[in-house]
Amino acid sequence: MTAAMKEEFDRQGYFILKQLYSQDEVQALKAEAARILAKHDVDQSGVFLGLAAESELFKEAARTPGLTRALKAIIGDAVLFMNDKVVFKNASTDFGSPWHQDYSYWHGSHKFSVWIALDDATPANGCLRVLPGSHRSTVSHDGEASDNHGFIHRLNEEQIDASQVVDFEASKGDAIVFHDLLLHASYSNTSGADRWALISTYKDGTQPDPEYPWAKAAFALK
């Protein structure tokens, strides 16, 4: 299974883990995220970074056994957790994410992110979209970015071959592991209901990197 997982990840740039977390675990994670957000003056970007730095629950979620096994199959034995964030979309924060590669935001060694559904995710409420195989090269991120929604490095929609796009429609607890060169985006949330996701980022601990100020709670997976 681990060899097949690695082969698919290398080919597609991502691998889907169905029901990585139970419904009770997801409910607890969303409640804890809401508690942390309530402590901070969170802006309307729809993103809060650094959950594991404040909560043991998120540290445990970042090293849950099923995820640890998958990450070691994909990355190797020396997996380092870097940081996590919650992305929350609701009636007031409803815009989609533009097409981009995460690598443009950190450079250094390649990183691997795990996008975890804290709510059921559909095109109507802003599910993730990916372009399989796009992780093999970097692309220029010079798209229009004047909407004040963040994502200063982005592509314009017309640069993407829509026929090749895969929508990640997810149930609560589903996750997708993806390479930082995989082109991805999300739909706008037009449903009026919540669509929250937890995104944790990892790296190969044997690879050198600068010190990232956002890697507040880094630790090695056992």
C-alpha atoms as a PDB file:
ATOM      1  CA  MET A   1       0.000   0.000   0.000  1.00  0.00           C
ATOM      2  CA  THR A   2       2.778   2.445   0.861  1.00  0.00           C
ATOM      3  CA  ALA A   3       4.516   1.794  -2.467  1.00  0.00           C
ATOM      4  CA  ALA A   4       1.262   2.394  -4.355  1.00  0.00           C
ATOM      5  CA  MET A   5       0.650   5.561  -2.347  1.00  0.00           C
ATOM      6  CA  LYS A   6       4.100   6.884  -3.198  1.00  0.00           C
ATOM      7  CA  GLU A   7       3.676   5.980  -6.881  1.00  0.00           C
ATOM      8  CA  GLU A   8       0.340   7.771  -7.131  1.00  0.00           C
ATOM      9  CA  PHE A   9       1.649  10.815  -5.286  1.00  0.00           C
ATOM     10  CA  ASP A  10       4.674  11.045  -7.581  1.00  0.00           C
ATOM     11  CA  ARG A  11       2.424  10.791 -10.645  1.00  0.00           C
ATOM     12  CA  GLN A  12      -0.435  13.091  -9.592  1.00  0.00           C
ATOM     13  CA  GLY A  13       1.164  15.386  -7.031  1.00  0.00           C
ATOM     14  CA  TYR A  14      -1.411  14.423  -4.391  1.00  0.00           C
ATOM     15  CA  PHE A  15      -2.951  11.521  -2.521  1.00  0.00           C
ATOM     16  CA  ILE A  16      -6.408  11.354  -0.910  1.00  0.00           C
ATOM     17  CA  LEU A  17      -6.924   9.863   2.558  1.00  0.00           C
ATOM     18  CA  LYS A  18     -10.604   9.086   3.148  1.00  0.00           C
ATOM     19  CA  GLN A  19     -11.899   9.445   6.715  1.00  0.00           C
ATOM     20  CA  LEU A  20      -8.501  10.195   8.190  1.00  0.00           C
ATOM     21  CA  TYR A  21     -10.298  11.627  11.218  1.00  0.00           C
ATOM     22  CA  SER A  22     -13.529  10.432  12.839  1.00  0.00           C
ATOM     23  CA  GLN A  23     -16.627  12.611  13.060  1.00  0.00           C
ATOM     24  CA  ASP A  24     -15.996  13.151  16.785  1.00  0.00           C
ATOM     25  CA  GLU A  25     -12.380  14.169  16.114  1.00  0.00           C
ATOM     26  CA  VAL A  26     -13.467  16.637  13.430  1.00  0.00           C
ATOM     27  CA  GLN A  27     -16.100  18.141  15.720  1.00  0.00           C
ATOM     28  CA  ALA A  28     -13.505  18.609  18.469  1.00  0.00           C
ATOM     29  CA  LEU A  29     -10.987  20.181  16.064  1.00  0.00           C
ATOM     30  CA  LYS A  30     -13.516  22.663  14.690  1.00  0.00           C
ATOM     31  CA  ALA A  31     -14.667  23.628  18.188  1.00  0.00           C
ATOM     32  CA  GLU A  32     -11.050  24.142  19.301  1.00  0.00           C
ATOM     33  CA  ALA A  33     -10.310  26.207  16.185  1.00  0.00           C
ATOM     34  CA  ALA A  34     -13.361  28.375  16.916  1.00  0.00           C
ATOM     35  CA  ARG A  35     -12.124  28.870  20.488  1.00  0.00           C
ATOM     36  CA  ILE A  36      -8.698  29.998  19.261  1.00  0.00           C
ATOM     37  CA  LEU A  37     -10.195  32.333  16.658  1.00  0.00           C
ATOM     38  CA  ALA A  38     -12.369  33.926  19.331  1.00  0.00           C
ATOM     39  CA  LYS A  39      -9.207  34.827  21.294  1.00  0.00           C
ATOM     40  CA  HIS A  40      -7.689  36.756  18.402  1.00  0.00           C
ATOM     41  CA  ASP A  41      -8.652  39.719  16.280  1.00  0.00           C
ATOM     42  CA  VAL A  42      -9.007  37.667  13.096  1.00  0.00           C
ATOM     43  CA  ASP A  43      -9.383  39.651   9.888  1.00  0.00           C
ATOM     44  CA  GLN A  44     -11.610  38.825   6.932  1.00  0.00           C
ATOM     45  CA  SER A  45      -8.890  36.941   5.025  1.00  0.00           C
ATOM     46  CA  GLY A  46     -10.521  33.727   6.230  1.00  0.00           C
ATOM     47  CA  VAL A  47      -7.184  32.311   7.452  1.00  0.00           C
ATOM     48  CA  PHE A  48      -5.591  31.891  10.883  1.00  0.00           C
ATOM     49  CA  LEU A  49      -2.057  30.493  11.189  1.00  0.00           C
ATOM     50  CA  GLY A  50      -0.547  28.692  14.170  1.00  0.00           C
ATOM     51  CA  LEU A  51      -3.099  26.400  15.819  1.00  0.00           C
ATOM     52  CA  ALA A  52      -0.601  23.800  17.038  1.00  0.00           C
ATOM     53  CA  ALA A  53       1.404  26.562  18.698  1.00  0.00           C
ATOM     54  CA  GLU A  54      -1.600  27.162  20.984  1.00  0.00           C
ATOM     55  CA  SER A  55      -3.275  23.788  21.341  1.00  0.00           C
ATOM     56  CA  GLU A  56      -2.196  20.250  22.215  1.00  0.00           C
ATOM     57  CA  LEU A  57      -5.230  18.965  20.324  1.00  0.00           C
ATOM     58  CA  PHE A  58      -3.808  20.261  17.049  1.00  0.00           C
ATOM     59  CA  LYS A  59      -0.356  18.872  17.845  1.00  0.00           C
ATOM     60  CA  GLU A  60      -1.939  15.450  18.300  1.00  0.00           C
ATOM     61  CA  ALA A  61      -3.924  15.830  15.073  1.00  0.00           C
ATOM     62  CA  ALA A  62      -0.714  16.697  13.195  1.00  0.00           C
ATOM     63  CA  ARG A  63       0.887  13.398  14.193  1.00  0.00           C
ATOM     64  CA  THR A  64      -2.117  11.065  14.138  1.00  0.00           C
ATOM     65  CA  PRO A  65      -0.870   7.551  13.224  1.00  0.00           C
ATOM     66  CA  GLY A  66      -2.636   7.157   9.873  1.00  0.00           C
ATOM     67  CA  LEU A  67      -1.311  10.502   8.670  1.00  0.00           C
ATOM     68  CA  THR A  68       2.195   9.800   9.977  1.00  0.00           C
ATOM     69  CA  ARG A  69       2.312   6.517   8.042  1.00  0.00           C
ATOM     70  CA  ALA A  70       1.151   8.205   4.835  1.00  0.00           C
ATOM     71  CA  LEU A  71       3.619  11.076   5.139  1.00  0.00           C
ATOM     72  CA  LYS A  72       6.548   8.730   5.767  1.00  0.00           C
ATOM     73  CA  ALA A  73       5.540   6.693   2.707  1.00  0.00           C
ATOM     74  CA  ILE A  74       5.483   9.848   0.573  1.00  0.00           C
ATOM     75  CA  ILE A  75       8.305  11.927   2.067  1.00  0.00           C
ATOM     76  CA  GLY A  76      10.593   9.468   3.877  1.00  0.00           C
ATOM     77  CA  ASP A  77      11.314   8.638   7.512  1.00  0.00           C
ATOM     78  CA  ALA A  78      12.482  12.113   8.600  1.00  0.00           C
ATOM     79  CA  VAL A  79       9.186  14.031   8.462  1.00  0.00           C
ATOM     80  CA  LEU A  80       9.046  17.424  10.158  1.00  0.00           C
ATOM     81  CA  PHE A  81       5.775  19.184  10.991  1.00  0.00           C
ATOM     82  CA  MET A  82       6.121  22.904  10.209  1.00  0.00           C
ATOM     83  CA  ASN A  83       2.863  24.664  11.071  1.00  0.00           C
ATOM     84  CA  ASP A  84      -0.882  24.585  10.521  1.00  0.00           C
ATOM     85  CA  LYS A  85      -3.738  26.957   9.763  1.00  0.00           C
ATOM     86  CA  VAL A  86      -7.499  26.981   9.639  1.00  0.00           C
ATOM     87  CA  VAL A  87      -9.205  28.298   6.510  1.00  0.00           C
ATOM     88  CA  PHE A  88     -12.759  29.327   7.290  1.00  0.00           C
ATOM     89  CA  LYS A  89     -15.374  30.234   4.707  1.00  0.00           C
ATOM     90  CA  ASN A  90     -18.836  31.397   5.708  1.00  0.00           C
ATOM     91  CA  ALA A  91     -21.453  33.953   4.670  1.00  0.00           C
ATOM     92  CA  SER A  92     -19.089  36.882   5.347  1.00  0.00           C
ATOM     93  CA  THR A  93     -15.810  35.315   4.138  1.00  0.00           C
ATOM     94  CA  ASP A  94     -16.954  33.592   0.985  1.00  0.00           C
ATOM     95  CA  PHE A  95     -14.413  34.276  -1.770  1.00  0.00           C
ATOM     96  CA  GLY A  96     -12.498  31.493  -3.480  1.00  0.00           C
ATOM     97  CA  SER A  97      -8.746  30.977  -3.544  1.00  0.00           C
ATOM     98  CA  PRO A  98      -7.042  31.698  -6.886  1.00  0.00           C
ATOM     99  CA  TRP A  99      -4.838  29.184  -8.694  1.00  0.00           C
ATOM    100  CA  HIS A 100      -1.358  29.051  -7.205  1.00  0.00           C
ATOM    101  CA  GLN A 101       1.562  26.884  -6.107  1.00  0.00           C
ATOM    102  CA  ASP A 102       2.383  27.083  -2.405  1.00  0.00           C
ATOM    103  CA  TYR A 103       6.095  26.974  -3.192  1.00  0.00           C
ATOM    104  CA  SER A 104       5.980  30.598  -4.360  1.00  0.00           C
ATOM    105  CA  TYR A 105       5.270  31.646  -0.757  1.00  0.00           C
ATOM    106  CA  TRP A 106       8.225  29.970   0.966  1.00  0.00           C
ATOM    107  CA  HIS A 107      10.838  28.581  -1.492  1.00  0.00           C
ATOM    108  CA  GLY A 108      13.641  26.556   0.124  1.00  0.00           C
ATOM    109  CA  SER A 109      13.032  22.814   0.189  1.00  0.00           C
ATOM    110  CA  HIS A 110       9.745  21.444  -1.081  1.00  0.00           C
ATOM    111  CA  LYS A 111       6.945  21.170   1.449  1.00  0.00           C
ATOM    112  CA  PHE A 112       3.903  18.911   1.649  1.00  0.00           C
ATOM    113  CA  SER A 113       0.531  20.134   2.831  1.00  0.00           C
ATOM    114  CA  VAL A 114      -2.413  18.171   4.187  1.00  0.00           C
ATOM    115  CA  TRP A 115      -5.819  19.757   3.546  1.00  0.00           C
ATOM    116  CA  ILE A 116      -8.387  18.326   5.985  1.00  0.00           C
ATOM    117  CA  ALA A 117     -12.134  18.865   5.669  1.00  0.00           C
ATOM    118  CA  LEU A 118     -13.713  20.083   8.925  1.00  0.00           C
ATOM    119  CA  ASP A 119     -17.028  20.406   7.079  1.00  0.00           C
ATOM    120  CA  ASP A 120     -18.341  18.522   4.064  1.00  0.00           C
ATOM    121  CA  ALA A 121     -16.837  20.288   1.040  1.00  0.00           C
ATOM    122  CA  THR A 122     -18.625  20.745  -2.306  1.00  0.00           C
ATOM    123  CA  PRO A 123     -18.327  23.178  -5.225  1.00  0.00           C
ATOM    124  CA  ALA A 124     -21.210  25.154  -3.700  1.00  0.00           C
ATOM    125  CA  ASN A 125     -19.399  25.833  -0.427  1.00  0.00           C
ATOM    126  CA  GLY A 126     -15.864  26.222  -1.741  1.00  0.00           C
ATOM    127  CA  CYS A 127     -14.178  22.827  -2.099  1.00  0.00           C
ATOM    128  CA  LEU A 128     -10.557  22.480  -3.165  1.00  0.00           C
ATOM    129  CA  ARG A 129      -9.624  22.105  -6.849  1.00  0.00           C
ATOM    130  CA  VAL A 130      -6.351  20.602  -8.103  1.00  0.00           C
ATOM    131  CA  LEU A 131      -4.549  20.215 -11.421  1.00  0.00           C
ATOM    132  CA  PRO A 132      -3.053  16.687 -11.453  1.00  0.00           C
ATOM    133  CA  GLY A 133       0.571  16.422 -12.560  1.00  0.00           C
ATOM    134  CA  SER A 134       1.238  20.156 -12.283  1.00  0.00           C
ATOM    135  CA  HIS A 135       3.796  19.554  -9.487  1.00  0.00           C
ATOM    136  CA  ARG A 136       6.605  18.787 -11.917  1.00  0.00           C
ATOM    137  CA  SER A 137       7.600  22.395 -12.604  1.00  0.00           C
ATOM    138  CA  THR A 138       7.262  25.941 -11.313  1.00  0.00           C
ATOM    139  CA  VAL A 139       5.127  28.465 -13.159  1.00  0.00           C
ATOM    140  CA  SER A 140       5.104  32.255 -13.195  1.00  0.00           C
ATOM    141  CA  HIS A 141       2.700  33.755 -10.651  1.00  0.00           C
ATOM    142  CA  ASP A 142       1.902  37.118 -12.188  1.00  0.00           C
ATOM    143  CA  GLY A 143      -1.886  37.091 -12.121  1.00  0.00           C
ATOM    144  CA  GLU A 144      -4.043  40.055 -11.138  1.00  0.00           C
ATOM    145  CA  ALA A 145      -4.032  40.418  -7.323  1.00  0.00           C
ATOM    146  CA  SER A 146      -5.851  43.679  -6.578  1.00  0.00           C
ATOM    147  CA  ASP A 147      -8.873  42.167  -4.797  1.00  0.00           C
ATOM    148  CA  ASN A 148      -7.325  42.379  -1.281  1.00  0.00           C
ATOM    149  CA  HIS A 149      -8.021  38.687  -0.692  1.00  0.00           C
ATOM    150  CA  GLY A 150      -4.383  37.791  -0.092  1.00  0.00           C
ATOM    151  CA  PHE A 151      -2.564  35.449  -2.513  1.00  0.00           C
ATOM    152  CA  ILE A 152      -0.180  38.007  -3.946  1.00  0.00           C
ATOM    153  CA  HIS A 153       1.364  35.191  -6.032  1.00  0.00           C
ATOM    154  CA  ARG A 154      -1.323  33.744  -8.281  1.00  0.00           C
ATOM    155  CA  LEU A 155      -2.305  32.702 -11.786  1.00  0.00           C
ATOM    156  CA  ASN A 156      -5.253  33.982 -13.755  1.00  0.00           C
ATOM    157  CA  GLU A 157      -8.069  31.504 -14.371  1.00  0.00           C
ATOM    158  CA  GLU A 158      -7.507  31.485 -18.137  1.00  0.00           C
ATOM    159  CA  GLN A 159      -4.011  30.053 -17.619  1.00  0.00           C
ATOM    160  CA  ILE A 160      -5.556  26.781 -16.370  1.00  0.00           C
ATOM    161  CA  ASP A 161      -6.821  23.963 -18.611  1.00  0.00           C
ATOM    162  CA  ALA A 162     -10.260  23.501 -17.061  1.00  0.00           C
ATOM    163  CA  SER A 163     -10.671  20.081 -18.690  1.00  0.00           C
ATOM    164  CA  GLN A 164      -7.862  18.692 -16.521  1.00  0.00           C
ATOM    165  CA  VAL A 165      -9.059  20.066 -13.176  1.00  0.00           C
ATOM    166  CA  VAL A 166     -10.198  17.684 -10.414  1.00  0.00           C
ATOM    167  CA  ASP A 167     -12.580  18.872  -7.683  1.00  0.00           C
ATOM    168  CA  PHE A 168     -11.877  17.442  -4.234  1.00  0.00           C
ATOM    169  CA  GLU A 169     -15.414  16.962  -2.937  1.00  0.00           C
ATOM    170  CA  ALA A 170     -14.839  15.783   0.605  1.00  0.00           C
ATOM    171  CA  SER A 171     -16.718  14.506   3.624  1.00  0.00           C
ATOM    172  CA  LYS A 172     -15.780  15.686   7.110  1.00  0.00           C
ATOM    173  CA  GLY A 173     -12.547  13.969   8.092  1.00  0.00           C
ATOM    174  CA  ASP A 174     -11.284  13.385   4.546  1.00  0.00           C
ATOM    175  CA  ALA A 175      -7.833  14.720   3.696  1.00  0.00           C
ATOM    176  CA  ILE A 176      -5.610  15.307   0.678  1.00  0.00           C
ATOM    177  CA  VAL A 177      -1.796  15.383   0.866  1.00  0.00           C
ATOM    178  CA  PHE A 178      -0.268  17.515  -1.883  1.00  0.00           C
ATOM    179  CA  HIS A 179       3.103  18.747  -3.143  1.00  0.00           C
ATOM    180  CA  ASP A 180       3.858  22.465  -2.894  1.00  0.00           C
ATOM    181  CA  LEU A 181       4.169  22.738  -6.685  1.00  0.00           C
ATOM    182  CA  LEU A 182       0.702  21.272  -7.272  1.00  0.00           C
ATOM    183  CA  LEU A 183      -1.508  23.969  -8.750  1.00  0.00           C
ATOM    184  CA  HIS A 184      -4.645  24.309  -6.659  1.00  0.00           C
ATOM    185  CA  ALA A 185      -7.506  26.704  -5.991  1.00  0.00           C
ATOM    186  CA  SER A 186     -10.955  26.666  -4.426  1.00  0.00           C
ATOM    187  CA  TYR A 187     -14.452  27.691  -5.385  1.00  0.00           C
ATOM    188  CA  SER A 188     -16.231  30.597  -3.750  1.00  0.00           C
ATOM    189  CA  ASN A 189     -18.621  29.656  -0.956  1.00  0.00           C
ATOM    190  CA  THR A 190     -22.047  30.516  -2.353  1.00  0.00           C
ATOM    191  CA  SER A 191     -23.972  28.263   0.037  1.00  0.00           C
ATOM    192  CA  GLY A 192     -24.160  30.616   3.020  1.00  0.00           C
ATOM    193  CA  ALA A 193     -22.981  27.724   5.222  1.00  0.00           C
ATOM    194  CA  ASP A 194     -19.599  27.027   6.819  1.00  0.00           C
ATOM    195  CA  ARG A 195     -16.773  25.372   4.932  1.00  0.00           C
ATOM    196  CA  TRP A 196     -13.802  25.108   7.279  1.00  0.00           C
ATOM    197  CA  ALA A 197     -10.576  23.264   6.558  1.00  0.00           C
ATOM    198  CA  LEU A 198      -7.419  22.547   8.538  1.00  0.00           C
ATOM    199  CA  ILE A 199      -4.175  22.688   6.548  1.00  0.00           C
ATOM    200  CA  SER A 200      -0.979  21.270   8.068  1.00  0.00           C
ATOM    201  CA  THR A 201       2.402  21.589   6.358  1.00  0.00           C
ATOM    202  CA  TYR A 202       5.372  19.207   6.550  1.00  0.00           C
ATOM    203  CA  LYS A 203       8.839  18.788   5.052  1.00  0.00           C
ATOM    204  CA  ASP A 204      11.647  16.296   4.704  1.00  0.00           C
ATOM    205  CA  GLY A 205      13.674  16.994   7.847  1.00  0.00           C
ATOM    206  CA  THR A 206      16.938  16.047   6.101  1.00  0.00           C
ATOM    207  CA  GLN A 207      16.625  18.996   3.714  1.00  0.00           C
ATOM    208  CA  PRO A 208      18.186  22.361   4.677  1.00  0.00           C
ATOM    209  CA  ASP A 209      15.999  25.451   4.896  1.00  0.00           C
ATOM    210  CA  PRO A 210      16.115  29.007   6.200  1.00  0.00           C
ATOM    211  CA  GLU A 211      14.449  29.664   9.538  1.00  0.00           C
ATOM    212  CA  TYR A 212      10.804  30.372   8.836  1.00  0.00           C
ATOM    213  CA  PRO A 213       9.149  32.744  11.337  1.00  0.00           C
ATOM    214  CA  TRP A 214       5.816  31.014  10.714  1.00  0.00           C
ATOM    215  CA  ALA A 215       7.129  27.577  11.774  1.00  0.00           C
ATOM    216  CA  LYS A 216       6.287  28.261  15.413  1.00  0.00           C
ATOM    217  CA  ALA A 217       5.592  24.723  16.564  1.00  0.00           C
ATOM    218  CA  ALA A 218       7.867  22.560  14.414  1.00  0.00           C
ATOM    219  CA  PHE A 219       8.512  19.000  15.584  1.00  0.00           C
ATOM    220  CA  ALA A 220       9.589  15.666  14.085  1.00  0.00           C
ATOM    221  CA  LEU A 221       7.073  12.875  13.585  1.00  0.00           C
ATOM    222  CA  LYS A 222       7.977   9.675  15.433  1.00  0.00           C
END
